[in-house]
Amino acid sequence: MSEVCRPVDEFSRMIKITGLESGPRDYTVAASPEQCAALCSRLDLQHLSYLKGTVQLSLSRHSPYGLKGSCIALQGSLKAQVTQSCVVSLGPVEATIDAEFSGVFLKDADDLDFHDSEGDDVDTGPEILGRIISDSSDYIDLGELFAQQLSLELNPFPRSDNIDVVDQPIENKDKIDDISESDRKNPFAVLEKLKNNI
């Protein structure tokens, strides 16, 4: 039997879903130093000290959202130590991430519409973590799932503790303060004085 060619991700841990037929199963996931380095490039991190966690997968014969067939429910926890770049100084900003997440893998999830008649999003059930097909050779990539969850937990605007934007000087503030009250009454005089100070 020929092997199925699958894309190589920075962090991959393939789990065959047929192993869930006998009941829920627990898995431990941990990225190697080489995988952490690859994820740094993908997630624009200065450093990723570790990424690890646990998940429990269980097979359900009933799917949410009115879909027919089975689904896979997931409960997981994620721990990571990351170093991001400060959005102001580009210096290192360290953060410890400890998060829990849950959701389902569904068949035909791409066909669902989660909007009401006005086009607004509607929260009607568990978060969809991925798509599965009714095939005995189908897999779930727990490594890629953890990589995506880590990206969601990252601070989108990391800022160093010693950076205070409020204390940043306002350009031309001193020049504006030098304008006298008589100058304020004459806008042309104000412009001329600013021009001479440039």
C-alpha atoms as a PDB file:
ATOM      1  CA  MET A   1       0.000   0.000   0.000  1.00  0.00           C
ATOM      2  CA  SER A   2       1.409   3.386  -0.981  1.00  0.00           C
ATOM      3  CA  GLU A   3       1.772   6.056   1.705  1.00  0.00           C
ATOM      4  CA  VAL A   4      -0.224   9.244   1.534  1.00  0.00           C
ATOM      5  CA  CYS A   5       1.938  12.342   1.017  1.00  0.00           C
ATOM      6  CA  ARG A   6       1.172  14.983   3.617  1.00  0.00           C
ATOM      7  CA  PRO A   7       2.595  18.500   4.015  1.00  0.00           C
ATOM      8  CA  VAL A   8       5.345  18.877   6.613  1.00  0.00           C
ATOM      9  CA  ASP A   9       4.485  21.524   9.209  1.00  0.00           C
ATOM     10  CA  GLU A  10       6.802  23.157  11.749  1.00  0.00           C
ATOM     11  CA  PHE A  11       5.235  21.004  14.465  1.00  0.00           C
ATOM     12  CA  SER A  12       3.295  17.901  13.465  1.00  0.00           C
ATOM     13  CA  ARG A  13       1.748  15.160  15.600  1.00  0.00           C
ATOM     14  CA  MET A  14      -0.627  13.029  13.548  1.00  0.00           C
ATOM     15  CA  ILE A  15      -3.339  11.075  15.381  1.00  0.00           C
ATOM     16  CA  LYS A  16      -5.470   8.496  13.570  1.00  0.00           C
ATOM     17  CA  ILE A  17      -9.122   9.068  14.443  1.00  0.00           C
ATOM     18  CA  THR A  18     -10.042   5.369  14.223  1.00  0.00           C
ATOM     19  CA  GLY A  19      -8.186   4.924  17.495  1.00  0.00           C
ATOM     20  CA  LEU A  20     -11.011   6.784  19.237  1.00  0.00           C
ATOM     21  CA  GLU A  21     -13.666   4.164  18.526  1.00  0.00           C
ATOM     22  CA  SER A  22     -12.924   2.334  21.765  1.00  0.00           C
ATOM     23  CA  GLY A  23     -13.411   5.452  23.907  1.00  0.00           C
ATOM     24  CA  PRO A  24     -11.809   8.804  24.854  1.00  0.00           C
ATOM     25  CA  ARG A  25      -8.034   9.003  24.684  1.00  0.00           C
ATOM     26  CA  ASP A  26      -5.535  11.347  26.307  1.00  0.00           C
ATOM     27  CA  TYR A  27      -2.459  12.664  24.518  1.00  0.00           C
ATOM     28  CA  THR A  28       0.573  14.650  25.627  1.00  0.00           C
ATOM     29  CA  VAL A  29       2.074  17.057  23.121  1.00  0.00           C
ATOM     30  CA  ALA A  30       5.492  18.744  23.346  1.00  0.00           C
ATOM     31  CA  ALA A  31       7.556  20.563  20.741  1.00  0.00           C
ATOM     32  CA  SER A  32      11.247  19.775  20.364  1.00  0.00           C
ATOM     33  CA  PRO A  33      13.861  22.575  20.425  1.00  0.00           C
ATOM     34  CA  GLU A  34      14.089  22.353  16.632  1.00  0.00           C
ATOM     35  CA  GLN A  35      10.304  22.613  16.294  1.00  0.00           C
ATOM     36  CA  CYS A  36      10.251  25.581  18.686  1.00  0.00           C
ATOM     37  CA  ALA A  37      12.825  27.330  16.505  1.00  0.00           C
ATOM     38  CA  ALA A  38      10.723  26.689  13.396  1.00  0.00           C
ATOM     39  CA  LEU A  39       7.605  28.034  15.137  1.00  0.00           C
ATOM     40  CA  CYS A  40       9.507  31.201  16.070  1.00  0.00           C
ATOM     41  CA  SER A  41       9.967  31.962  12.390  1.00  0.00           C
ATOM     42  CA  ARG A  42       6.315  31.240  11.624  1.00  0.00           C
ATOM     43  CA  LEU A  43       4.883  33.252  14.544  1.00  0.00           C
ATOM     44  CA  ASP A  44       7.469  36.067  14.458  1.00  0.00           C
ATOM     45  CA  LEU A  45       8.835  35.295  17.933  1.00  0.00           C
ATOM     46  CA  GLN A  46      12.279  36.114  19.249  1.00  0.00           C
ATOM     47  CA  HIS A  47      12.313  32.880  21.213  1.00  0.00           C
ATOM     48  CA  LEU A  48      10.047  29.990  22.198  1.00  0.00           C
ATOM     49  CA  SER A  49      11.424  28.233  25.267  1.00  0.00           C
ATOM     50  CA  TYR A  50       8.809  25.491  25.257  1.00  0.00           C
ATOM     51  CA  LEU A  51       5.387  24.526  23.950  1.00  0.00           C
ATOM     52  CA  LYS A  52       3.569  21.631  25.559  1.00  0.00           C
ATOM     53  CA  GLY A  53       0.159  20.501  26.677  1.00  0.00           C
ATOM     54  CA  THR A  54      -2.404  17.752  26.937  1.00  0.00           C
ATOM     55  CA  VAL A  55      -5.581  16.958  25.034  1.00  0.00           C
ATOM     56  CA  GLN A  56      -8.435  14.507  25.382  1.00  0.00           C
ATOM     57  CA  LEU A  57     -10.193  13.380  22.227  1.00  0.00           C
ATOM     58  CA  SER A  58     -13.530  11.609  22.203  1.00  0.00           C
ATOM     59  CA  LEU A  59     -15.737  10.375  19.391  1.00  0.00           C
ATOM     60  CA  SER A  60     -19.371  11.465  19.429  1.00  0.00           C
ATOM     61  CA  ARG A  61     -22.035   9.933  17.217  1.00  0.00           C
ATOM     62  CA  HIS A  62     -23.950  13.210  17.106  1.00  0.00           C
ATOM     63  CA  SER A  63     -22.659  16.460  15.607  1.00  0.00           C
ATOM     64  CA  PRO A  64     -23.693  19.998  16.615  1.00  0.00           C
ATOM     65  CA  TYR A  65     -25.078  22.609  14.223  1.00  0.00           C
ATOM     66  CA  GLY A  66     -27.615  20.151  12.797  1.00  0.00           C
ATOM     67  CA  LEU A  67     -25.006  18.171  10.855  1.00  0.00           C
ATOM     68  CA  LYS A  68     -25.418  14.453  10.333  1.00  0.00           C
ATOM     69  CA  GLY A  69     -22.796  11.947  11.360  1.00  0.00           C
ATOM     70  CA  SER A  70     -20.186  11.850  14.068  1.00  0.00           C
ATOM     71  CA  CYS A  71     -17.742  14.449  15.347  1.00  0.00           C
ATOM     72  CA  ILE A  72     -14.665  14.515  17.529  1.00  0.00           C
ATOM     73  CA  ALA A  73     -14.778  16.568  20.722  1.00  0.00           C
ATOM     74  CA  LEU A  74     -11.591  17.972  22.215  1.00  0.00           C
ATOM     75  CA  GLN A  75     -10.587  19.332  25.614  1.00  0.00           C
ATOM     76  CA  GLY A  76      -7.053  20.671  25.870  1.00  0.00           C
ATOM     77  CA  SER A  77      -4.560  22.754  27.819  1.00  0.00           C
ATOM     78  CA  LEU A  78      -1.527  24.576  26.485  1.00  0.00           C
ATOM     79  CA  LYS A  79       1.582  25.943  28.202  1.00  0.00           C
ATOM     80  CA  ALA A  80       4.308  27.997  26.565  1.00  0.00           C
ATOM     81  CA  GLN A  81       7.096  30.458  27.348  1.00  0.00           C
ATOM     82  CA  VAL A  82       7.538  33.019  24.574  1.00  0.00           C
ATOM     83  CA  THR A  83       9.636  36.088  23.854  1.00  0.00           C
ATOM     84  CA  GLN A  84       8.029  38.627  21.520  1.00  0.00           C
ATOM     85  CA  SER A  85       9.262  41.946  20.149  1.00  0.00           C
ATOM     86  CA  CYS A  86       8.045  45.162  21.756  1.00  0.00           C
ATOM     87  CA  VAL A  87       5.934  47.129  19.273  1.00  0.00           C
ATOM     88  CA  VAL A  88       7.652  50.364  20.390  1.00  0.00           C
ATOM     89  CA  SER A  89      11.315  49.530  21.030  1.00  0.00           C
ATOM     90  CA  LEU A  90      11.560  46.074  19.350  1.00  0.00           C
ATOM     91  CA  GLY A  91      13.154  44.857  22.586  1.00  0.00           C
ATOM     92  CA  PRO A  92      12.340  41.450  24.104  1.00  0.00           C
ATOM     93  CA  VAL A  93       9.013  40.961  25.883  1.00  0.00           C
ATOM     94  CA  GLU A  94       8.679  37.674  27.739  1.00  0.00           C
ATOM     95  CA  ALA A  95       5.341  36.051  28.511  1.00  0.00           C
ATOM     96  CA  THR A  96       4.150  32.804  30.048  1.00  0.00           C
ATOM     97  CA  ILE A  97       1.035  31.312  28.463  1.00  0.00           C
ATOM     98  CA  ASP A  98      -1.235  28.921  30.334  1.00  0.00           C
ATOM     99  CA  ALA A  99      -4.522  28.404  28.508  1.00  0.00           C
ATOM    100  CA  GLU A 100      -7.339  25.915  28.102  1.00  0.00           C
ATOM    101  CA  PHE A 101      -9.352  25.376  24.941  1.00  0.00           C
ATOM    102  CA  SER A 102     -12.059  23.115  23.616  1.00  0.00           C
ATOM    103  CA  GLY A 103     -13.995  22.484  20.445  1.00  0.00           C
ATOM    104  CA  VAL A 104     -14.969  19.926  17.845  1.00  0.00           C
ATOM    105  CA  PHE A 105     -13.762  18.526  14.553  1.00  0.00           C
ATOM    106  CA  LEU A 106     -16.661  18.229  12.110  1.00  0.00           C
ATOM    107  CA  LYS A 107     -17.419  16.656   8.781  1.00  0.00           C
ATOM    108  CA  ASP A 108     -18.525  19.201   6.137  1.00  0.00           C
ATOM    109  CA  ALA A 109     -17.716  22.104   8.467  1.00  0.00           C
ATOM    110  CA  ASP A 110     -16.873  24.269   5.456  1.00  0.00           C
ATOM    111  CA  ASP A 111     -20.527  24.274   4.401  1.00  0.00           C
ATOM    112  CA  LEU A 112     -21.819  25.903   7.598  1.00  0.00           C
ATOM    113  CA  ASP A 113     -22.969  29.522   7.716  1.00  0.00           C
ATOM    114  CA  PHE A 114     -22.707  31.234  11.105  1.00  0.00           C
ATOM    115  CA  HIS A 115     -24.446  34.501  10.225  1.00  0.00           C
ATOM    116  CA  ASP A 116     -27.961  35.726  10.864  1.00  0.00           C
ATOM    117  CA  SER A 117     -30.231  37.418   8.327  1.00  0.00           C
ATOM    118  CA  GLU A 118     -28.384  40.725   8.889  1.00  0.00           C
ATOM    119  CA  GLY A 119     -24.968  39.205   8.336  1.00  0.00           C
ATOM    120  CA  ASP A 120     -23.872  39.323  11.989  1.00  0.00           C
ATOM    121  CA  ASP A 121     -21.926  36.468  13.567  1.00  0.00           C
ATOM    122  CA  VAL A 122     -23.959  34.021  15.622  1.00  0.00           C
ATOM    123  CA  ASP A 123     -22.491  31.939  18.435  1.00  0.00           C
ATOM    124  CA  THR A 124     -24.582  28.781  18.406  1.00  0.00           C
ATOM    125  CA  GLY A 125     -22.279  26.043  19.669  1.00  0.00           C
ATOM    126  CA  PRO A 126     -18.740  24.793  20.281  1.00  0.00           C
ATOM    127  CA  GLU A 127     -15.782  26.212  18.415  1.00  0.00           C
ATOM    128  CA  ILE A 128     -14.896  24.308  15.256  1.00  0.00           C
ATOM    129  CA  LEU A 129     -11.211  23.388  15.405  1.00  0.00           C
ATOM    130  CA  GLY A 130     -10.993  21.605  12.074  1.00  0.00           C
ATOM    131  CA  ARG A 131     -12.616  19.441   9.446  1.00  0.00           C
ATOM    132  CA  ILE A 132     -12.693  15.656   9.197  1.00  0.00           C
ATOM    133  CA  ILE A 133     -13.951  13.300   6.537  1.00  0.00           C
ATOM    134  CA  SER A 134     -15.640   9.929   6.985  1.00  0.00           C
ATOM    135  CA  ASP A 135     -12.567   7.914   6.093  1.00  0.00           C
ATOM    136  CA  SER A 136     -10.667   5.292   8.079  1.00  0.00           C
ATOM    137  CA  SER A 137      -7.353   6.824   6.996  1.00  0.00           C
ATOM    138  CA  ASP A 138      -8.152  10.328   8.264  1.00  0.00           C
ATOM    139  CA  TYR A 139      -5.918  12.004  10.838  1.00  0.00           C
ATOM    140  CA  ILE A 140      -5.938  14.960  13.186  1.00  0.00           C
ATOM    141  CA  ASP A 141      -2.688  16.911  13.475  1.00  0.00           C
ATOM    142  CA  LEU A 142      -2.424  17.817  17.165  1.00  0.00           C
ATOM    143  CA  GLY A 143       0.889  19.602  16.608  1.00  0.00           C
ATOM    144  CA  GLU A 144      -0.626  21.980  14.072  1.00  0.00           C
ATOM    145  CA  LEU A 145      -3.616  22.459  16.364  1.00  0.00           C
ATOM    146  CA  PHE A 146      -1.293  23.537  19.194  1.00  0.00           C
ATOM    147  CA  ALA A 147       0.618  25.864  16.877  1.00  0.00           C
ATOM    148  CA  GLN A 148      -2.622  27.574  15.853  1.00  0.00           C
ATOM    149  CA  GLN A 149      -3.847  27.824  19.447  1.00  0.00           C
ATOM    150  CA  LEU A 150      -0.530  29.364  20.487  1.00  0.00           C
ATOM    151  CA  SER A 151      -0.891  32.010  17.781  1.00  0.00           C
ATOM    152  CA  LEU A 152      -4.331  32.913  19.183  1.00  0.00           C
ATOM    153  CA  GLU A 153      -2.940  33.293  22.703  1.00  0.00           C
ATOM    154  CA  LEU A 154      -0.099  35.651  21.733  1.00  0.00           C
ATOM    155  CA  ASN A 155      -0.363  39.320  22.662  1.00  0.00           C
ATOM    156  CA  PRO A 156      -0.969  41.155  19.359  1.00  0.00           C
ATOM    157  CA  PHE A 157       0.661  44.338  20.739  1.00  0.00           C
ATOM    158  CA  PRO A 158       3.432  43.299  23.152  1.00  0.00           C
ATOM    159  CA  ARG A 159       4.999  46.232  24.998  1.00  0.00           C
ATOM    160  CA  SER A 160       7.974  46.351  27.329  1.00  0.00           C
ATOM    161  CA  ASP A 161       7.233  47.358  30.926  1.00  0.00           C
ATOM    162  CA  ASN A 162       9.683  50.282  30.769  1.00  0.00           C
ATOM    163  CA  ILE A 163       7.956  51.822  27.742  1.00  0.00           C
ATOM    164  CA  ASP A 164       5.343  54.463  28.540  1.00  0.00           C
ATOM    165  CA  VAL A 165       3.805  56.041  25.456  1.00  0.00           C
ATOM    166  CA  VAL A 166       2.161  58.768  27.567  1.00  0.00           C
ATOM    167  CA  ASP A 167       5.593  60.113  28.516  1.00  0.00           C
ATOM    168  CA  GLN A 168       6.749  60.461  24.916  1.00  0.00           C
ATOM    169  CA  PRO A 169       7.375  64.133  23.970  1.00  0.00           C
ATOM    170  CA  ILE A 170       4.937  65.832  21.615  1.00  0.00           C
ATOM    171  CA  GLU A 171       6.711  67.272  18.588  1.00  0.00           C
ATOM    172  CA  ASN A 172       6.780  71.110  18.464  1.00  0.00           C
ATOM    173  CA  LYS A 173       5.103  71.344  21.906  1.00  0.00           C
ATOM    174  CA  ASP A 174       7.791  73.761  23.204  1.00  0.00           C
ATOM    175  CA  LYS A 175       7.535  75.898  20.066  1.00  0.00           C
ATOM    176  CA  ILE A 176       3.781  76.169  20.427  1.00  0.00           C
ATOM    177  CA  ASP A 177       4.124  77.138  24.118  1.00  0.00           C
ATOM    178  CA  ASP A 178       6.391  80.035  23.084  1.00  0.00           C
ATOM    179  CA  ILE A 179       3.555  81.719  21.163  1.00  0.00           C
ATOM    180  CA  SER A 180       2.373  84.795  23.038  1.00  0.00           C
ATOM    181  CA  GLU A 181      -1.252  85.713  23.643  1.00  0.00           C
ATOM    182  CA  SER A 182      -1.032  88.570  21.132  1.00  0.00           C
ATOM    183  CA  ASP A 183       0.277  86.159  18.508  1.00  0.00           C
ATOM    184  CA  ARG A 184      -2.642  83.825  19.140  1.00  0.00           C
ATOM    185  CA  LYS A 185      -5.030  86.573  18.047  1.00  0.00           C
ATOM    186  CA  ASN A 186      -3.207  86.846  14.725  1.00  0.00           C
ATOM    187  CA  PRO A 187      -3.011  83.462  12.971  1.00  0.00           C
ATOM    188  CA  PHE A 188      -0.545  84.776  10.380  1.00  0.00           C
ATOM    189  CA  ALA A 189       1.831  85.857  13.113  1.00  0.00           C
ATOM    190  CA  VAL A 190       1.628  82.411  14.666  1.00  0.00           C
ATOM    191  CA  LEU A 191       2.568  80.773  11.368  1.00  0.00           C
ATOM    192  CA  GLU A 192       5.454  83.172  10.843  1.00  0.00           C
ATOM    193  CA  LYS A 193       6.843  82.510  14.314  1.00  0.00           C
ATOM    194  CA  LEU A 194       6.642  78.738  13.847  1.00  0.00           C
ATOM    195  CA  LYS A 195       8.348  79.071  10.483  1.00  0.00           C
ATOM    196  CA  ASN A 196      11.265  81.010  12.027  1.00  0.00           C
ATOM    197  CA  ASN A 197      11.718  78.364  14.717  1.00  0.00           C
ATOM    198  CA  ILE A 198      12.007  75.478  12.258  1.00  0.00           C
END
